[in-house]
């Protein structure tokens, strides 16, 4: 299965577009005079196949989400470390208060929240 081309509708191509006139049963593949007229139940093997497809799709999305969470966690940790260094620089020479040298003020400016554009 090509995971690059998986979509939410790729598991059994559900829901199908309505058709009129003779059609084919989506479960057994037999020709039916009218849509919905043929009544059959899916076999265990068919149900298992559908379940396997759904589980594969679920696993694919979960792996992607886990990767994103790991990336965000790493970025947040790096951001925390950088902010700690800037806090130290902002107070350097005047601890525990903020300093007033050029270097202190540059660190203080970098710590200010950024405006979203």
C-alpha atoms as a PDB file:
ATOM      1  CA  UNK A   1       0.000   0.000   0.000  1.00  0.00           C
ATOM      2  CA  UNK A   2       1.393   3.385  -0.977  1.00  0.00           C
ATOM      3  CA  UNK A   3       1.161   5.474   2.204  1.00  0.00           C
ATOM      4  CA  UNK A   4       1.758   8.707   0.269  1.00  0.00           C
ATOM      5  CA  UNK A   5      -1.568   8.362  -1.511  1.00  0.00           C
ATOM      6  CA  UNK A   6      -3.755   7.300   1.445  1.00  0.00           C
ATOM      7  CA  UNK A   7      -6.841   9.418   1.989  1.00  0.00           C
ATOM      8  CA  UNK A   8      -9.670   9.166   4.476  1.00  0.00           C
ATOM      9  CA  UNK A   9     -11.882   7.728   1.728  1.00  0.00           C
ATOM     10  CA  UNK A  10      -9.404   5.133   0.482  1.00  0.00           C
ATOM     11  CA  UNK A  11     -10.618   2.439   2.890  1.00  0.00           C
ATOM     12  CA  UNK A  12     -13.239   0.744   0.689  1.00  0.00           C
ATOM     13  CA  UNK A  13     -13.864   4.060  -1.143  1.00  0.00           C
ATOM     14  CA  UNK A  14     -16.705   4.794   1.230  1.00  0.00           C
ATOM     15  CA  UNK A  15     -19.175   6.467   0.842  1.00  0.00           C
ATOM     16  CA  UNK A  16     -19.923   5.558  -2.740  1.00  0.00           C
ATOM     17  CA  UNK A  17     -21.863   7.812  -5.089  1.00  0.00           C
ATOM     18  CA  UNK A  18     -25.481   6.697  -5.640  1.00  0.00           C
ATOM     19  CA  UNK A  19     -26.152   4.932  -8.924  1.00  0.00           C
ATOM     20  CA  UNK A  20     -29.343   4.118 -10.772  1.00  0.00           C
ATOM     21  CA  UNK A  21     -30.099   0.977 -12.717  1.00  0.00           C
ATOM     22  CA  UNK A  22     -28.062  -2.240 -12.660  1.00  0.00           C
ATOM     23  CA  UNK A  23     -25.077  -2.174 -10.352  1.00  0.00           C
ATOM     24  CA  UNK A  24     -22.559  -4.429  -8.668  1.00  0.00           C
ATOM     25  CA  UNK A  25     -22.787  -5.513  -5.013  1.00  0.00           C
ATOM     26  CA  UNK A  26     -19.967  -3.881  -3.039  1.00  0.00           C
ATOM     27  CA  UNK A  27     -19.656  -6.963  -0.818  1.00  0.00           C
ATOM     28  CA  UNK A  28     -19.756  -9.975  -3.121  1.00  0.00           C
ATOM     29  CA  UNK A  29     -19.339  -8.374  -6.559  1.00  0.00           C
ATOM     30  CA  UNK A  30     -22.510  -9.918  -8.040  1.00  0.00           C
ATOM     31  CA  UNK A  31     -24.535  -7.943 -10.543  1.00  0.00           C
ATOM     32  CA  UNK A  32     -27.817  -6.619  -9.130  1.00  0.00           C
ATOM     33  CA  UNK A  33     -30.835  -5.309 -11.071  1.00  0.00           C
ATOM     34  CA  UNK A  34     -31.203  -2.243  -8.814  1.00  0.00           C
ATOM     35  CA  UNK A  35     -28.935  -0.668  -6.238  1.00  0.00           C
ATOM     36  CA  UNK A  36     -29.593  -2.069  -2.778  1.00  0.00           C
ATOM     37  CA  UNK A  37     -31.794  -4.881  -4.082  1.00  0.00           C
ATOM     38  CA  UNK A  38     -29.191  -7.607  -3.567  1.00  0.00           C
ATOM     39  CA  UNK A  39     -28.824  -8.500   0.103  1.00  0.00           C
ATOM     40  CA  UNK A  40     -25.713 -10.328   1.237  1.00  0.00           C
ATOM     41  CA  UNK A  41     -23.537 -10.069   4.279  1.00  0.00           C
ATOM     42  CA  UNK A  42     -19.777  -9.655   4.184  1.00  0.00           C
ATOM     43  CA  UNK A  43     -17.711 -12.677   5.069  1.00  0.00           C
ATOM     44  CA  UNK A  44     -15.355 -12.774   8.009  1.00  0.00           C
ATOM     45  CA  UNK A  45     -12.413 -12.558   5.599  1.00  0.00           C
ATOM     46  CA  UNK A  46     -13.855  -9.414   3.960  1.00  0.00           C
ATOM     47  CA  UNK A  47     -14.493  -7.798   7.340  1.00  0.00           C
ATOM     48  CA  UNK A  48     -10.981  -8.705   8.497  1.00  0.00           C
ATOM     49  CA  UNK A  49      -9.552  -7.177   5.324  1.00  0.00           C
ATOM     50  CA  UNK A  50     -11.477  -3.928   5.923  1.00  0.00           C
ATOM     51  CA  UNK A  51     -10.312  -3.859   9.540  1.00  0.00           C
ATOM     52  CA  UNK A  52      -6.676  -4.398   8.501  1.00  0.00           C
ATOM     53  CA  UNK A  53      -6.922  -1.535   5.998  1.00  0.00           C
ATOM     54  CA  UNK A  54      -8.435   0.750   8.655  1.00  0.00           C
ATOM     55  CA  UNK A  55      -5.766  -0.208  11.207  1.00  0.00           C
ATOM     56  CA  UNK A  56      -2.991   0.446   8.662  1.00  0.00           C
ATOM     57  CA  UNK A  57      -4.444   3.882   7.925  1.00  0.00           C
ATOM     58  CA  UNK A  58      -4.788   4.620  11.639  1.00  0.00           C
ATOM     59  CA  UNK A  59      -1.180   3.570  12.305  1.00  0.00           C
ATOM     60  CA  UNK A  60       0.031   5.760   9.433  1.00  0.00           C
ATOM     61  CA  UNK A  61      -1.678   8.841  10.898  1.00  0.00           C
ATOM     62  CA  UNK A  62      -0.579   8.053  14.464  1.00  0.00           C
ATOM     63  CA  UNK A  63       3.066   7.718  13.412  1.00  0.00           C
ATOM     64  CA  UNK A  64       2.842  11.123  11.734  1.00  0.00           C
ATOM     65  CA  UNK A  65       1.305  12.671  14.838  1.00  0.00           C
ATOM     66  CA  UNK A  66       3.914  11.109  17.132  1.00  0.00           C
ATOM     67  CA  UNK A  67       6.685  12.485  14.905  1.00  0.00           C
ATOM     68  CA  UNK A  68       5.148  15.979  15.050  1.00  0.00           C
ATOM     69  CA  UNK A  69       4.806  15.802  18.845  1.00  0.00           C
ATOM     70  CA  UNK A  70       8.469  14.774  19.143  1.00  0.00           C
ATOM     71  CA  UNK A  71       9.534  17.666  16.889  1.00  0.00           C
ATOM     72  CA  UNK A  72       7.468  20.162  18.900  1.00  0.00           C
ATOM     73  CA  UNK A  73       8.811  18.820  22.194  1.00  0.00           C
ATOM     74  CA  UNK A  74      12.400  19.184  20.965  1.00  0.00           C
ATOM     75  CA  UNK A  75      11.717  22.715  19.688  1.00  0.00           C
ATOM     76  CA  UNK A  76      10.100  23.700  22.997  1.00  0.00           C
ATOM     77  CA  UNK A  77      13.084  22.354  24.947  1.00  0.00           C
ATOM     78  CA  UNK A  78      15.523  24.271  22.745  1.00  0.00           C
ATOM     79  CA  UNK A  79      13.414  27.434  23.142  1.00  0.00           C
ATOM     80  CA  UNK A  80      13.421  27.003  26.926  1.00  0.00           C
ATOM     81  CA  UNK A  81      17.217  26.673  26.999  1.00  0.00           C
ATOM     82  CA  UNK A  82      17.700  29.744  24.804  1.00  0.00           C
ATOM     83  CA  UNK A  83      15.349  31.812  26.961  1.00  0.00           C
ATOM     84  CA  UNK A  84      17.269  30.796  30.095  1.00  0.00           C
ATOM     85  CA  UNK A  85      20.515  32.015  28.518  1.00  0.00           C
ATOM     86  CA  UNK A  86      18.881  35.297  27.476  1.00  0.00           C
ATOM     87  CA  UNK A  87      17.518  35.768  31.016  1.00  0.00           C
ATOM     88  CA  UNK A  88      21.051  35.412  32.401  1.00  0.00           C
ATOM     89  CA  UNK A  89      22.393  37.879  29.827  1.00  0.00           C
ATOM     90  CA  UNK A  90      19.604  40.365  30.575  1.00  0.00           C
ATOM     91  CA  UNK A  91      20.616  40.369  34.274  1.00  0.00           C
ATOM     92  CA  UNK A  92      24.396  40.031  33.837  1.00  0.00           C
ATOM     93  CA  UNK A  93      26.237  42.473  36.098  1.00  0.00           C
ATOM     94  CA  UNK A  94      23.091  43.596  37.961  1.00  0.00           C
ATOM     95  CA  UNK A  95      21.566  40.413  39.339  1.00  0.00           C
ATOM     96  CA  UNK A  96      18.789  39.913  40.449  1.00  0.00           C
ATOM     97  CA  UNK A  97      17.587  43.010  38.577  1.00  0.00           C
ATOM     98  CA  UNK A  98      17.707  43.641  34.845  1.00  0.00           C
ATOM     99  CA  UNK A  99      20.891  45.319  33.662  1.00  0.00           C
ATOM    100  CA  UNK A 100      21.176  48.556  31.683  1.00  0.00           C
ATOM    101  CA  UNK A 101      24.168  47.929  29.406  1.00  0.00           C
ATOM    102  CA  UNK A 102      23.802  47.476  25.648  1.00  0.00           C
ATOM    103  CA  UNK A 103      24.176  43.687  25.959  1.00  0.00           C
ATOM    104  CA  UNK A 104      21.587  43.544  28.765  1.00  0.00           C
ATOM    105  CA  UNK A 105      19.104  45.527  26.696  1.00  0.00           C
ATOM    106  CA  UNK A 106      19.618  43.393  23.585  1.00  0.00           C
ATOM    107  CA  UNK A 107      18.856  40.260  25.642  1.00  0.00           C
ATOM    108  CA  UNK A 108      15.814  41.979  27.192  1.00  0.00           C
ATOM    109  CA  UNK A 109      14.581  42.933  23.716  1.00  0.00           C
ATOM    110  CA  UNK A 110      15.004  39.335  22.499  1.00  0.00           C
ATOM    111  CA  UNK A 111      12.933  38.079  25.450  1.00  0.00           C
ATOM    112  CA  UNK A 112       9.953  40.296  24.600  1.00  0.00           C
ATOM    113  CA  UNK A 113       7.005  38.444  23.026  1.00  0.00           C
ATOM    114  CA  UNK A 114       7.034  38.701  19.253  1.00  0.00           C
ATOM    115  CA  UNK A 115       4.053  40.322  17.522  1.00  0.00           C
ATOM    116  CA  UNK A 116       2.216  37.911  15.247  1.00  0.00           C
ATOM    117  CA  UNK A 117       1.741  39.198  11.728  1.00  0.00           C
END
